[in-house]
Amino acid sequence: MICSKRGKPLRNWWGDRTIRDLAFSLGLVATYEEDYRFLSQMAHCTAQGGAWLNLGVAHNELGQASEALVAYRHAVSLRPDLAVAWCNMGNVYGAEGQYPEAVNAYREAIRLGIDDVSLWWRLGLIYAAQGDRSGLAEVHQHLKDLDSSKADEFFRSVVLP
């Protein structure tokens, strides 16, 4: 299991058992630095978008936003259908205040099939930061379709203020 610096397991988003088993067989469970080096080497030696996705997650865990974005962009250049990479990219762009890029990344994740409350909520937070009332209305409506109680909470905590 590959762990973050805080000891939390990093998700292996692309489900490639071979690489995960290789990491395990190499004993890369002791320190974050060893796990990170392994992820970095694997990403640079492969054309698998998932390896770059995991490298982006590792960079993000270290607070290295620009490096995470490079890895996520490389992941989607190899696998444009990698919705989780688009979602993660939106998270980093949003945290960095790059709101138009965050909206574009979230929209691509949605187009590729991620249709959950947390993604729509984060998109709504970006619209709120931009002052985009029509975007907020769209998010609120979609949240009502997914989970009416979350839509009400979103309205009270994000739309009203």
Protein backbone atom coordinates (compact mmCIF):
# COMPACT_ATOMS: atom_id res chain seq x y z
CA MET A 1 0.00 0.00 0.00
CA ILE A 2 1.37 3.38 -0.94
CA CYS A 3 0.88 5.93 1.83
CA SER A 4 0.79 9.68 2.05
CA LYS A 5 3.13 11.66 4.24
CA ARG A 6 0.41 11.61 6.91
CA GLY A 7 0.25 7.82 6.75
CA LYS A 8 -3.06 7.67 4.86
CA PRO A 9 -3.13 5.19 1.97
CA LEU A 10 -2.99 6.83 -1.45
CA ARG A 11 -5.65 5.47 -3.74
CA ASN A 12 -4.49 3.56 -6.75
CA TRP A 13 -6.99 5.21 -9.07
CA TRP A 14 -6.34 3.21 -12.19
CA GLY A 15 -6.47 -0.22 -10.60
CA ASP A 16 -3.29 -1.58 -12.18
CA ARG A 17 -2.57 -4.59 -10.01
CA THR A 18 0.85 -5.15 -11.60
CA ILE A 19 2.30 -1.84 -10.45
CA ARG A 20 0.59 -2.02 -7.07
CA ASP A 21 1.90 -5.56 -6.54
CA LEU A 22 5.36 -4.46 -7.63
CA ALA A 23 5.29 -1.63 -5.08
CA PHE A 24 4.19 -4.07 -2.39
CA SER A 25 6.80 -6.66 -3.34
CA LEU A 26 9.47 -3.97 -3.13
CA GLY A 27 8.29 -3.22 0.39
CA LEU A 28 7.38 0.39 -0.32
CA VAL A 29 5.21 0.80 2.71
CA ALA A 30 7.71 2.12 5.23
CA THR A 31 8.17 5.78 4.39
CA TYR A 32 6.39 8.31 2.27
CA GLU A 33 9.63 9.35 0.58
CA GLU A 34 10.29 5.81 -0.67
CA ASP A 35 6.72 5.49 -1.91
CA TYR A 36 6.92 8.89 -3.60
CA ARG A 37 10.20 8.01 -5.34
CA PHE A 38 8.64 4.78 -6.59
CA LEU A 39 5.56 6.58 -7.92
CA SER A 40 7.71 9.16 -9.62
CA GLN A 41 9.92 6.56 -11.27
CA MET A 42 6.93 4.52 -12.41
CA ALA A 43 5.20 7.55 -13.88
CA HIS A 44 8.28 8.64 -15.80
CA CYS A 45 8.88 5.13 -17.15
CA THR A 46 5.37 4.44 -18.35
CA ALA A 47 2.78 5.79 -20.71
CA GLN A 48 -0.04 4.94 -18.31
CA GLY A 49 -2.20 7.86 -17.36
CA GLY A 50 -2.95 6.25 -14.02
CA ALA A 51 0.68 6.35 -12.95
CA TRP A 52 0.73 10.09 -13.63
CA LEU A 53 -2.55 10.45 -11.76
CA ASN A 54 -1.04 8.80 -8.69
CA LEU A 55 2.03 11.01 -9.00
CA GLY A 56 -0.27 14.04 -9.07
CA VAL A 57 -1.97 12.81 -5.90
CA ALA A 58 1.43 12.43 -4.22
CA HIS A 59 2.49 15.95 -5.25
CA ASN A 60 -0.80 17.31 -3.98
CA GLU A 61 -0.33 15.54 -0.64
CA LEU A 62 3.05 17.29 -0.38
CA GLY A 63 1.44 20.67 -1.11
CA GLN A 64 3.18 20.93 -4.48
CA ALA A 65 0.31 22.32 -6.53
CA SER A 66 2.21 23.20 -9.69
CA GLU A 67 3.86 19.76 -9.84
CA ALA A 68 0.49 18.10 -9.18
CA LEU A 69 -1.04 20.02 -12.08
CA VAL A 70 1.80 18.98 -14.40
CA ALA A 71 1.22 15.33 -13.46
CA TYR A 72 -2.56 15.58 -13.85
CA ARG A 73 -2.21 17.30 -17.24
CA HIS A 74 0.14 14.54 -18.36
CA ALA A 75 -2.32 11.92 -17.11
CA VAL A 76 -5.17 13.38 -19.17
CA SER A 77 -2.94 13.82 -22.21
CA LEU A 78 -2.36 10.06 -22.09
CA ARG A 79 -5.91 9.18 -21.01
CA PRO A 80 -8.37 11.99 -21.79
CA ASP A 81 -11.14 9.80 -20.33
CA LEU A 82 -9.52 9.72 -16.86
CA ALA A 83 -12.31 11.56 -15.05
CA VAL A 84 -10.65 11.39 -11.62
CA ALA A 85 -7.61 13.26 -12.97
CA TRP A 86 -9.90 16.02 -14.28
CA CYS A 87 -11.64 16.19 -10.91
CA ASN A 88 -8.35 16.35 -9.01
CA MET A 89 -7.11 19.01 -11.41
CA GLY A 90 -10.23 21.05 -10.63
CA ASN A 91 -9.53 20.69 -6.92
CA VAL A 92 -5.98 22.01 -7.31
CA TYR A 93 -6.98 24.84 -9.64
CA GLY A 94 -9.73 25.85 -7.22
CA ALA A 95 -7.37 25.82 -4.24
CA GLU A 96 -4.93 27.97 -6.22
CA GLY A 97 -7.64 30.50 -7.12
CA GLN A 98 -7.54 29.62 -10.82
CA TYR A 99 -11.32 29.53 -11.06
CA PRO A 100 -11.92 29.38 -14.84
CA GLU A 101 -9.51 26.44 -15.10
CA ALA A 102 -11.21 24.75 -12.13
CA VAL A 103 -14.63 25.12 -13.78
CA ASN A 104 -13.31 23.66 -17.04
CA ALA A 105 -11.71 20.69 -15.26
CA TYR A 106 -14.82 19.98 -13.17
CA ARG A 107 -17.02 20.26 -16.28
CA GLU A 108 -14.84 17.71 -18.06
CA ALA A 109 -15.06 15.33 -15.07
CA ILE A 110 -18.84 15.70 -15.13
CA ARG A 111 -18.95 15.12 -18.88
CA LEU A 112 -16.93 11.94 -18.35
CA GLY A 113 -19.41 10.61 -15.82
CA ILE A 114 -18.57 11.80 -12.31
CA ASP A 115 -21.97 12.94 -11.12
CA ASP A 116 -21.82 13.09 -7.35
CA VAL A 117 -22.76 15.61 -4.70
CA SER A 118 -19.21 16.47 -3.66
CA LEU A 119 -18.10 17.38 -7.19
CA TRP A 120 -21.16 19.54 -7.80
CA TRP A 121 -20.69 21.17 -4.38
CA ARG A 122 -17.06 22.06 -5.18
CA LEU A 123 -18.13 23.43 -8.55
CA GLY A 124 -20.69 25.54 -6.71
CA LEU A 125 -18.01 26.89 -4.38
CA ILE A 126 -16.01 27.99 -7.42
CA TYR A 127 -19.08 29.70 -8.88
CA ALA A 128 -19.66 31.41 -5.52
CA ALA A 129 -16.05 32.66 -5.47
CA GLN A 130 -16.57 34.04 -8.99
CA GLY A 131 -19.92 35.59 -8.11
CA ASP A 132 -21.59 33.54 -10.86
CA ARG A 133 -25.26 33.42 -9.79
CA SER A 134 -26.43 31.46 -12.84
CA GLY A 135 -23.75 28.83 -12.17
CA LEU A 136 -24.90 28.64 -8.54
CA ALA A 137 -28.50 28.18 -9.67
CA GLU A 138 -27.48 25.35 -12.01
CA VAL A 139 -25.50 23.61 -9.26
CA HIS A 140 -28.37 24.00 -6.79
CA GLN A 141 -30.82 22.50 -9.27
CA HIS A 142 -28.53 19.57 -10.00
CA LEU A 143 -27.95 18.96 -6.29
CA LYS A 144 -31.74 18.85 -5.81
CA ASP A 145 -31.84 16.02 -8.34
CA LEU A 146 -29.05 14.14 -6.56
CA ASP A 147 -29.85 14.80 -2.88
CA SER A 148 -32.49 17.33 -1.83
CA SER A 149 -31.17 17.67 1.74
CA LYS A 150 -27.67 18.49 0.43
CA ALA A 151 -29.22 20.95 -2.02
CA ASP A 152 -30.96 22.71 0.89
CA GLU A 153 -27.71 22.77 2.87
CA PHE A 154 -25.86 24.13 -0.19
CA PHE A 155 -28.46 26.85 -0.61
CA ARG A 156 -28.23 27.90 3.04
CA SER A 157 -24.45 27.81 3.31
CA VAL A 158 -23.25 28.84 -0.17
CA VAL A 159 -26.00 30.56 -2.15
CA LEU A 160 -27.60 32.76 0.54
CA PRO A 161 -24.49 34.36 2.06
